């Protein structure tokens, strides 16, 4: 039976991942491809495009839709003691935006329409608001038991996020939201 819908999901950070959801079932999942530039590692836009192309080739004739977690600069957050807990510096905010842009560009260059998943929206959908990163990994294992081998390490939370973002997109598409 031919694949009807292929959803390619990107959790865009350096520790993010890319996942394919094939008719609602977990397909290939990889850590974000990185490129070493000087002493730094950056998201590899070509690596993203190669993953997408390979997933499309494995599912000829499928409707292909992308989804990317929409990222923004993190505002400072104060802890219970009133002191600042988290503050992203300008360079890290720039880098994260650069990674997001590369992921978007891969979809655009390949002509794949995509949705943007607000972190608060997809996390709320799965009851992950306020939970630690491991909660998403455990939920992804529960939802996609066949992918458990790819999600066994704590650092596989980016893979889990990518799978859950794809599942969120599948729901949005079923509710009639169109990809742009």
C-alpha atoms as a PDB file:
ATOM      1  CA  UNK A   1       0.000   0.000   0.000  1.00  0.00           C
ATOM      2  CA  UNK A   2       1.367   3.398  -0.961  1.00  0.00           C
ATOM      3  CA  UNK A   3       2.106   6.070   1.623  1.00  0.00           C
ATOM      4  CA  UNK A   4      -0.558   8.767   1.665  1.00  0.00           C
ATOM      5  CA  UNK A   5       1.116  11.419   3.835  1.00  0.00           C
ATOM      6  CA  UNK A   6       4.681  12.031   4.868  1.00  0.00           C
ATOM      7  CA  UNK A   7       5.289  14.629   7.564  1.00  0.00           C
ATOM      8  CA  UNK A   8       8.849  15.860   8.011  1.00  0.00           C
ATOM      9  CA  UNK A   9       9.346  17.478  11.406  1.00  0.00           C
ATOM     10  CA  UNK A  10      12.272  19.599  12.520  1.00  0.00           C
ATOM     11  CA  UNK A  11      13.290  20.526  16.056  1.00  0.00           C
ATOM     12  CA  UNK A  12      15.760  23.168  14.827  1.00  0.00           C
ATOM     13  CA  UNK A  13      18.393  23.578  17.523  1.00  0.00           C
ATOM     14  CA  UNK A  14      21.917  22.158  17.415  1.00  0.00           C
ATOM     15  CA  UNK A  15      20.731  19.443  19.792  1.00  0.00           C
ATOM     16  CA  UNK A  16      17.479  19.079  17.852  1.00  0.00           C
ATOM     17  CA  UNK A  17      16.474  16.410  15.389  1.00  0.00           C
ATOM     18  CA  UNK A  18      14.559  15.609  12.231  1.00  0.00           C
ATOM     19  CA  UNK A  19      11.816  12.989  12.116  1.00  0.00           C
ATOM     20  CA  UNK A  20       9.561  11.504   9.472  1.00  0.00           C
ATOM     21  CA  UNK A  21       6.008  10.466  10.262  1.00  0.00           C
ATOM     22  CA  UNK A  22       4.725   8.059   7.615  1.00  0.00           C
ATOM     23  CA  UNK A  23       0.931   7.802   7.693  1.00  0.00           C
ATOM     24  CA  UNK A  24       1.031   8.397  11.444  1.00  0.00           C
ATOM     25  CA  UNK A  25       3.831   5.909  12.125  1.00  0.00           C
ATOM     26  CA  UNK A  26       7.344   6.874  13.173  1.00  0.00           C
ATOM     27  CA  UNK A  27       9.755   6.684  10.278  1.00  0.00           C
ATOM     28  CA  UNK A  28      13.422   7.612  10.199  1.00  0.00           C
ATOM     29  CA  UNK A  29      14.654   9.933  12.948  1.00  0.00           C
ATOM     30  CA  UNK A  30      18.096  11.546  13.067  1.00  0.00           C
ATOM     31  CA  UNK A  31      19.899  14.006  15.269  1.00  0.00           C
ATOM     32  CA  UNK A  32      20.294  17.424  13.712  1.00  0.00           C
ATOM     33  CA  UNK A  33      23.018  17.223  11.067  1.00  0.00           C
ATOM     34  CA  UNK A  34      25.905  19.492  12.010  1.00  0.00           C
ATOM     35  CA  UNK A  35      28.733  21.049  10.077  1.00  0.00           C
ATOM     36  CA  UNK A  36      32.025  22.067  11.662  1.00  0.00           C
ATOM     37  CA  UNK A  37      32.979  25.618  10.713  1.00  0.00           C
ATOM     38  CA  UNK A  38      36.286  26.611  12.245  1.00  0.00           C
ATOM     39  CA  UNK A  39      35.939  25.775  15.924  1.00  0.00           C
ATOM     40  CA  UNK A  40      32.133  25.885  15.895  1.00  0.00           C
ATOM     41  CA  UNK A  41      29.380  23.503  14.924  1.00  0.00           C
ATOM     42  CA  UNK A  42      26.427  24.780  12.917  1.00  0.00           C
ATOM     43  CA  UNK A  43      23.258  23.202  11.611  1.00  0.00           C
ATOM     44  CA  UNK A  44      23.926  21.688   8.183  1.00  0.00           C
ATOM     45  CA  UNK A  45      21.171  22.857   5.803  1.00  0.00           C
ATOM     46  CA  UNK A  46      22.406  20.457   3.109  1.00  0.00           C
ATOM     47  CA  UNK A  47      22.163  17.561   5.589  1.00  0.00           C
ATOM     48  CA  UNK A  48      18.571  18.539   6.368  1.00  0.00           C
ATOM     49  CA  UNK A  49      17.730  18.651   2.653  1.00  0.00           C
ATOM     50  CA  UNK A  50      19.346  15.244   2.053  1.00  0.00           C
ATOM     51  CA  UNK A  51      17.262  13.694   4.851  1.00  0.00           C
ATOM     52  CA  UNK A  52      14.070  15.196   3.429  1.00  0.00           C
ATOM     53  CA  UNK A  53      14.901  14.041  -0.096  1.00  0.00           C
ATOM     54  CA  UNK A  54      15.671  10.499   1.095  1.00  0.00           C
ATOM     55  CA  UNK A  55      12.384  10.332   3.038  1.00  0.00           C
ATOM     56  CA  UNK A  56      10.500  11.520  -0.053  1.00  0.00           C
ATOM     57  CA  UNK A  57      12.264   8.927  -2.219  1.00  0.00           C
ATOM     58  CA  UNK A  58      11.242   6.161   0.209  1.00  0.00           C
ATOM     59  CA  UNK A  59       7.602   7.284  -0.040  1.00  0.00           C
ATOM     60  CA  UNK A  60       6.922   8.058  -3.712  1.00  0.00           C
ATOM     61  CA  UNK A  61       3.596   9.718  -4.444  1.00  0.00           C
ATOM     62  CA  UNK A  62       2.974  10.715  -0.829  1.00  0.00           C
ATOM     63  CA  UNK A  63       1.695  14.161   0.077  1.00  0.00           C
ATOM     64  CA  UNK A  64       4.700  15.756   1.810  1.00  0.00           C
ATOM     65  CA  UNK A  65       4.201  18.365   4.505  1.00  0.00           C
ATOM     66  CA  UNK A  66       6.822  19.867   6.773  1.00  0.00           C
ATOM     67  CA  UNK A  67       6.599  21.220  10.283  1.00  0.00           C
ATOM     68  CA  UNK A  68       9.176  23.183  12.204  1.00  0.00           C
ATOM     69  CA  UNK A  69       9.161  24.269  15.812  1.00  0.00           C
ATOM     70  CA  UNK A  70       8.956  28.039  15.775  1.00  0.00           C
ATOM     71  CA  UNK A  71      11.738  29.394  17.911  1.00  0.00           C
ATOM     72  CA  UNK A  72      12.293  32.848  19.336  1.00  0.00           C
ATOM     73  CA  UNK A  73      14.780  34.483  21.610  1.00  0.00           C
ATOM     74  CA  UNK A  74      14.195  33.356  25.188  1.00  0.00           C
ATOM     75  CA  UNK A  75      13.176  36.148  27.498  1.00  0.00           C
ATOM     76  CA  UNK A  76      14.862  36.181  30.900  1.00  0.00           C
ATOM     77  CA  UNK A  77      12.992  34.129  33.493  1.00  0.00           C
ATOM     78  CA  UNK A  78      13.119  34.641  37.223  1.00  0.00           C
ATOM     79  CA  UNK A  79      13.214  31.769  39.659  1.00  0.00           C
ATOM     80  CA  UNK A  80      11.169  31.451  42.861  1.00  0.00           C
ATOM     81  CA  UNK A  81      13.810  33.448  44.727  1.00  0.00           C
ATOM     82  CA  UNK A  82      13.423  36.383  42.322  1.00  0.00           C
ATOM     83  CA  UNK A  83      16.847  35.904  40.769  1.00  0.00           C
ATOM     84  CA  UNK A  84      17.294  35.458  37.053  1.00  0.00           C
ATOM     85  CA  UNK A  85      17.436  31.731  36.182  1.00  0.00           C
ATOM     86  CA  UNK A  86      17.762  31.893  32.446  1.00  0.00           C
ATOM     87  CA  UNK A  87      19.071  34.449  30.068  1.00  0.00           C
ATOM     88  CA  UNK A  88      20.091  33.713  26.504  1.00  0.00           C
ATOM     89  CA  UNK A  89      22.923  35.886  25.313  1.00  0.00           C
ATOM     90  CA  UNK A  90      22.757  37.724  21.990  1.00  0.00           C
ATOM     91  CA  UNK A  91      25.121  35.265  20.280  1.00  0.00           C
ATOM     92  CA  UNK A  92      23.169  32.165  21.331  1.00  0.00           C
ATOM     93  CA  UNK A  93      19.894  33.811  20.259  1.00  0.00           C
ATOM     94  CA  UNK A  94      21.436  34.666  16.890  1.00  0.00           C
ATOM     95  CA  UNK A  95      22.734  31.101  16.454  1.00  0.00           C
ATOM     96  CA  UNK A  96      19.347  29.600  17.282  1.00  0.00           C
ATOM     97  CA  UNK A  97      17.651  31.917  14.781  1.00  0.00           C
ATOM     98  CA  UNK A  98      20.242  30.941  12.183  1.00  0.00           C
ATOM     99  CA  UNK A  99      19.490  27.238  12.736  1.00  0.00           C
ATOM    100  CA  UNK A 100      15.739  27.902  12.418  1.00  0.00           C
ATOM    101  CA  UNK A 101      16.351  29.813   9.181  1.00  0.00           C
ATOM    102  CA  UNK A 102      18.384  26.976   7.694  1.00  0.00           C
ATOM    103  CA  UNK A 103      15.633  24.480   8.468  1.00  0.00           C
ATOM    104  CA  UNK A 104      12.990  26.746   6.904  1.00  0.00           C
ATOM    105  CA  UNK A 105      15.195  27.270   3.852  1.00  0.00           C
ATOM    106  CA  UNK A 106      15.486  23.505   3.308  1.00  0.00           C
ATOM    107  CA  UNK A 107      11.681  23.199   3.129  1.00  0.00           C
ATOM    108  CA  UNK A 108      11.375  26.251   0.906  1.00  0.00           C
ATOM    109  CA  UNK A 109      14.109  25.184  -1.525  1.00  0.00           C
ATOM    110  CA  UNK A 110      12.558  21.732  -1.865  1.00  0.00           C
ATOM    111  CA  UNK A 111       9.097  23.236  -2.418  1.00  0.00           C
ATOM    112  CA  UNK A 112       7.591  21.614   0.674  1.00  0.00           C
ATOM    113  CA  UNK A 113       4.765  23.481   2.390  1.00  0.00           C
ATOM    114  CA  UNK A 114       5.205  23.606   6.142  1.00  0.00           C
ATOM    115  CA  UNK A 115       3.505  24.481   9.398  1.00  0.00           C
ATOM    116  CA  UNK A 116       5.109  26.324  12.276  1.00  0.00           C
ATOM    117  CA  UNK A 117       4.578  24.709  15.667  1.00  0.00           C
ATOM    118  CA  UNK A 118       4.605  27.091  18.605  1.00  0.00           C
ATOM    119  CA  UNK A 119       6.299  25.284  21.505  1.00  0.00           C
ATOM    120  CA  UNK A 120       3.483  26.221  23.895  1.00  0.00           C
ATOM    121  CA  UNK A 121       0.865  24.843  21.486  1.00  0.00           C
ATOM    122  CA  UNK A 122       2.345  21.427  20.763  1.00  0.00           C
ATOM    123  CA  UNK A 123       3.461  20.909  24.368  1.00  0.00           C
ATOM    124  CA  UNK A 124      -0.002  21.825  25.681  1.00  0.00           C
ATOM    125  CA  UNK A 125      -1.554  19.322  23.246  1.00  0.00           C
ATOM    126  CA  UNK A 126       0.443  16.519  24.868  1.00  0.00           C
ATOM    127  CA  UNK A 127       0.281  17.731  28.481  1.00  0.00           C
ATOM    128  CA  UNK A 128       3.981  18.628  28.546  1.00  0.00           C
ATOM    129  CA  UNK A 129       3.692  22.247  29.655  1.00  0.00           C
ATOM    130  CA  UNK A 130       5.981  22.773  32.634  1.00  0.00           C
ATOM    131  CA  UNK A 131       7.418  19.247  32.365  1.00  0.00           C
ATOM    132  CA  UNK A 132      11.116  18.497  32.073  1.00  0.00           C
ATOM    133  CA  UNK A 133      12.653  17.439  28.751  1.00  0.00           C
ATOM    134  CA  UNK A 134      12.564  13.754  29.653  1.00  0.00           C
ATOM    135  CA  UNK A 135       8.759  13.783  29.857  1.00  0.00           C
ATOM    136  CA  UNK A 136       8.573  14.294  26.080  1.00  0.00           C
ATOM    137  CA  UNK A 137      11.001  11.437  25.493  1.00  0.00           C
ATOM    138  CA  UNK A 138       8.970   9.071  27.664  1.00  0.00           C
ATOM    139  CA  UNK A 139       5.731  10.120  25.956  1.00  0.00           C
ATOM    140  CA  UNK A 140       7.267   9.581  22.504  1.00  0.00           C
ATOM    141  CA  UNK A 141       8.332   6.071  23.530  1.00  0.00           C
ATOM    142  CA  UNK A 142       4.766   5.398  24.653  1.00  0.00           C
ATOM    143  CA  UNK A 143       3.222   6.822  21.451  1.00  0.00           C
ATOM    144  CA  UNK A 144       5.799   5.264  19.105  1.00  0.00           C
ATOM    145  CA  UNK A 145       6.971   1.970  20.644  1.00  0.00           C
ATOM    146  CA  UNK A 146       8.691   0.945  17.400  1.00  0.00           C
ATOM    147  CA  UNK A 147      10.940   4.028  17.746  1.00  0.00           C
ATOM    148  CA  UNK A 148      11.901   3.257  21.366  1.00  0.00           C
ATOM    149  CA  UNK A 149      15.368   2.064  20.335  1.00  0.00           C
ATOM    150  CA  UNK A 150      16.020   5.535  18.867  1.00  0.00           C
ATOM    151  CA  UNK A 151      14.806   7.244  22.046  1.00  0.00           C
ATOM    152  CA  UNK A 152      16.503   5.264  24.785  1.00  0.00           C
ATOM    153  CA  UNK A 153      19.094   7.854  25.897  1.00  0.00           C
ATOM    154  CA  UNK A 154      18.206  10.974  27.895  1.00  0.00           C
ATOM    155  CA  UNK A 155      19.932  13.067  25.221  1.00  0.00           C
ATOM    156  CA  UNK A 156      17.437  11.755  22.625  1.00  0.00           C
ATOM    157  CA  UNK A 157      14.909  14.372  23.749  1.00  0.00           C
ATOM    158  CA  UNK A 158      15.381  16.280  20.456  1.00  0.00           C
ATOM    159  CA  UNK A 159      14.324  13.165  18.552  1.00  0.00           C
ATOM    160  CA  UNK A 160      11.304  12.807  20.818  1.00  0.00           C
ATOM    161  CA  UNK A 161      10.372  16.451  20.315  1.00  0.00           C
ATOM    162  CA  UNK A 162      10.609  16.054  16.526  1.00  0.00           C
ATOM    163  CA  UNK A 163       8.290  13.019  16.602  1.00  0.00           C
ATOM    164  CA  UNK A 164       5.761  14.735  18.852  1.00  0.00           C
ATOM    165  CA  UNK A 165       5.845  17.902  16.748  1.00  0.00           C
ATOM    166  CA  UNK A 166       5.078  15.725  13.697  1.00  0.00           C
ATOM    167  CA  UNK A 167       2.155  14.154  15.571  1.00  0.00           C
ATOM    168  CA  UNK A 168       0.919  17.646  16.492  1.00  0.00           C
ATOM    169  CA  UNK A 169       1.109  18.610  12.792  1.00  0.00           C
ATOM    170  CA  UNK A 170      -0.851  15.514  11.787  1.00  0.00           C
ATOM    171  CA  UNK A 171      -3.623  16.611  14.154  1.00  0.00           C
ATOM    172  CA  UNK A 172      -3.536  20.182  12.817  1.00  0.00           C
ATOM    173  CA  UNK A 173      -3.811  18.917   9.230  1.00  0.00           C
ATOM    174  CA  UNK A 174      -6.714  16.649  10.199  1.00  0.00           C
ATOM    175  CA  UNK A 175      -8.460  19.703  11.682  1.00  0.00           C
ATOM    176  CA  UNK A 176      -8.104  21.509   8.358  1.00  0.00           C
ATOM    177  CA  UNK A 177      -5.087  23.750   8.964  1.00  0.00           C
ATOM    178  CA  UNK A 178      -3.223  24.247   5.722  1.00  0.00           C
ATOM    179  CA  UNK A 179       0.531  24.312   5.426  1.00  0.00           C
ATOM    180  CA  UNK A 180       2.039  27.433   3.836  1.00  0.00           C
END
